[in-house]
Amino acid sequence: MSRQAAARDRKLDDVFSALSDRTRRRLLARLAEGPATIGELAAPLPMTLPAVSKHLRVLERAGLVKRERRGWYQHCEMDARPMQDAAAFIARYRPFWTDALDRLAAYAEKKR
C-alpha cells in the first residue's frame, strides 16, 4: 500500500471514528446550521465545557470542524468535505444492499 493510500485510510478511519459517537453527530448537526461558540454548542448537552471540547478535538482531527479563537471565545465551523470520502466508501457497497432489497421485493411480489 502506498503512503498516499495509507494516509487516505487513516483519514477515513478518523472520519468514521468521529461520526461513530452520538454527541459528535449532535455537534455536527448543530454546526450544519451555522458557526457557533463552544458555549453555544455545549448549552443543550448534559456535559461540561471540557468534555465538549474533547469531542470537538476528535472532530477537528477528522477535519470535520475548524476552530478559531476570537478574543475570549472559540468559534467553531463545520467542514463537510471529509464526509465526501466516507460517502464514496459507502456508495461502493450500495449494490450489495440494493440487490438484496430488490430480491426481497421480487420474492414478496411473487408470493402475492
Protein backbone atom coordinates (compact mmCIF):
# COMPACT_ATOMS: atom_id res chain seq x y z
CA MET A 1 0.00 0.00 0.00
CA SER A 2 1.36 3.40 -0.95
CA ARG A 3 1.86 6.18 1.58
CA GLN A 4 -0.94 8.14 -0.05
CA ALA A 5 -3.35 5.21 0.22
CA ALA A 6 -2.35 4.65 3.85
CA ALA A 7 -2.88 8.34 4.63
CA ARG A 8 -6.33 8.22 2.95
CA ASP A 9 -7.22 5.15 5.00
CA ARG A 10 -6.15 6.85 8.24
CA LYS A 11 -8.20 9.93 7.35
CA LEU A 12 -11.23 7.75 6.59
CA ASP A 13 -10.71 5.95 9.92
CA ASP A 14 -10.69 9.35 11.67
CA VAL A 15 -13.94 10.40 9.96
CA PHE A 16 -15.78 7.17 10.76
CA SER A 17 -14.46 7.23 14.32
CA ALA A 18 -15.63 10.82 14.77
CA LEU A 19 -19.07 10.02 13.34
CA SER A 20 -19.47 6.91 15.49
CA ASP A 21 -20.30 8.96 18.59
CA ARG A 22 -23.81 10.35 19.16
CA THR A 23 -22.56 13.53 20.86
CA ARG A 24 -20.22 14.33 17.98
CA ARG A 25 -23.04 13.77 15.50
CA ARG A 26 -25.19 16.19 17.53
CA LEU A 27 -22.39 18.76 17.46
CA LEU A 28 -22.10 18.41 13.69
CA ALA A 29 -25.87 18.69 13.28
CA ARG A 30 -25.78 21.95 15.22
CA LEU A 31 -22.81 23.23 13.21
CA ALA A 32 -24.64 22.39 9.97
CA GLU A 33 -26.98 25.24 10.95
CA GLY A 34 -24.04 27.64 11.13
CA PRO A 35 -20.95 28.53 13.16
CA ALA A 36 -21.18 28.52 16.96
CA THR A 37 -19.06 29.09 20.03
CA ILE A 38 -18.14 26.18 22.28
CA GLY A 39 -20.53 27.57 24.90
CA GLU A 40 -23.39 27.60 22.40
CA LEU A 41 -22.57 24.04 21.37
CA ALA A 42 -22.37 22.88 24.99
CA ALA A 43 -25.57 24.58 26.21
CA PRO A 44 -28.04 21.83 25.20
CA LEU A 45 -25.70 18.98 26.17
CA PRO A 46 -25.53 17.33 29.61
CA MET A 47 -21.75 17.68 29.89
CA THR A 48 -19.02 20.11 30.84
CA LEU A 49 -17.27 22.51 28.50
CA PRO A 50 -14.04 20.47 28.72
CA ALA A 51 -15.95 17.34 27.68
CA VAL A 52 -17.45 19.16 24.69
CA SER A 53 -14.01 20.49 23.83
CA LYS A 54 -12.68 16.90 23.81
CA HIS A 55 -15.36 15.88 21.34
CA LEU A 56 -14.52 18.89 19.18
CA ARG A 57 -10.84 17.85 19.13
CA VAL A 58 -11.86 14.48 17.70
CA LEU A 59 -13.94 16.25 15.04
CA GLU A 60 -11.02 18.58 14.31
CA ARG A 61 -8.60 15.67 13.92
CA ALA A 62 -11.02 14.20 11.36
CA GLY A 63 -11.10 17.56 9.56
CA LEU A 64 -14.83 17.97 10.17
CA VAL A 65 -14.58 21.06 12.37
CA LYS A 66 -12.44 24.18 12.24
CA ARG A 67 -11.92 26.27 15.39
CA GLU A 68 -10.86 29.90 15.53
CA ARG A 69 -10.18 31.95 18.63
CA ARG A 70 -11.73 35.43 18.60
CA GLY A 71 -11.00 37.25 21.82
CA TRP A 72 -12.32 35.20 24.71
CA TYR A 73 -14.34 32.85 22.54
CA GLN A 74 -13.58 29.93 20.28
CA HIS A 75 -15.80 29.84 17.22
CA CYS A 76 -16.39 26.51 15.51
CA GLU A 77 -17.45 25.83 11.96
CA MET A 78 -18.23 22.57 10.19
CA ASP A 79 -16.23 21.41 7.17
CA ALA A 80 -18.14 18.57 5.49
CA ARG A 81 -15.52 17.84 2.81
CA PRO A 82 -14.04 14.81 4.65
CA MET A 83 -17.50 13.24 4.60
CA GLN A 84 -17.27 13.01 0.79
CA ASP A 85 -14.66 10.26 1.08
CA ALA A 86 -16.83 8.44 3.63
CA ALA A 87 -19.86 8.75 1.33
CA ALA A 88 -17.82 7.42 -1.61
CA PHE A 89 -16.68 4.46 0.50
CA ILE A 90 -20.26 3.62 1.45
CA ALA A 91 -21.50 4.13 -2.12
CA ARG A 92 -19.17 1.36 -3.33
CA TYR A 93 -21.19 -1.10 -1.25
CA ARG A 94 -24.65 0.18 -2.22
CA PRO A 95 -25.17 -2.58 -4.83
CA PHE A 96 -24.90 -5.20 -2.10
CA TRP A 97 -27.88 -3.93 -0.15
CA THR A 98 -29.93 -2.68 -3.13
CA ASP A 99 -29.60 -6.08 -4.83
CA ALA A 100 -30.73 -7.82 -1.64
CA LEU A 101 -33.70 -5.46 -1.32
CA ASP A 102 -34.60 -5.96 -4.99
CA ARG A 103 -34.55 -9.75 -4.50
CA LEU A 104 -36.70 -9.42 -1.38
CA ALA A 105 -39.22 -7.23 -3.24
CA ALA A 106 -39.34 -9.72 -6.13
CA TYR A 107 -39.91 -12.57 -3.68
CA ALA A 108 -42.69 -10.64 -1.90
CA GLU A 109 -44.37 -9.78 -5.21
CA LYS A 110 -44.26 -13.43 -6.29
CA LYS A 111 -45.91 -14.54 -3.02
CA ARG A 112 -48.97 -12.32 -3.59
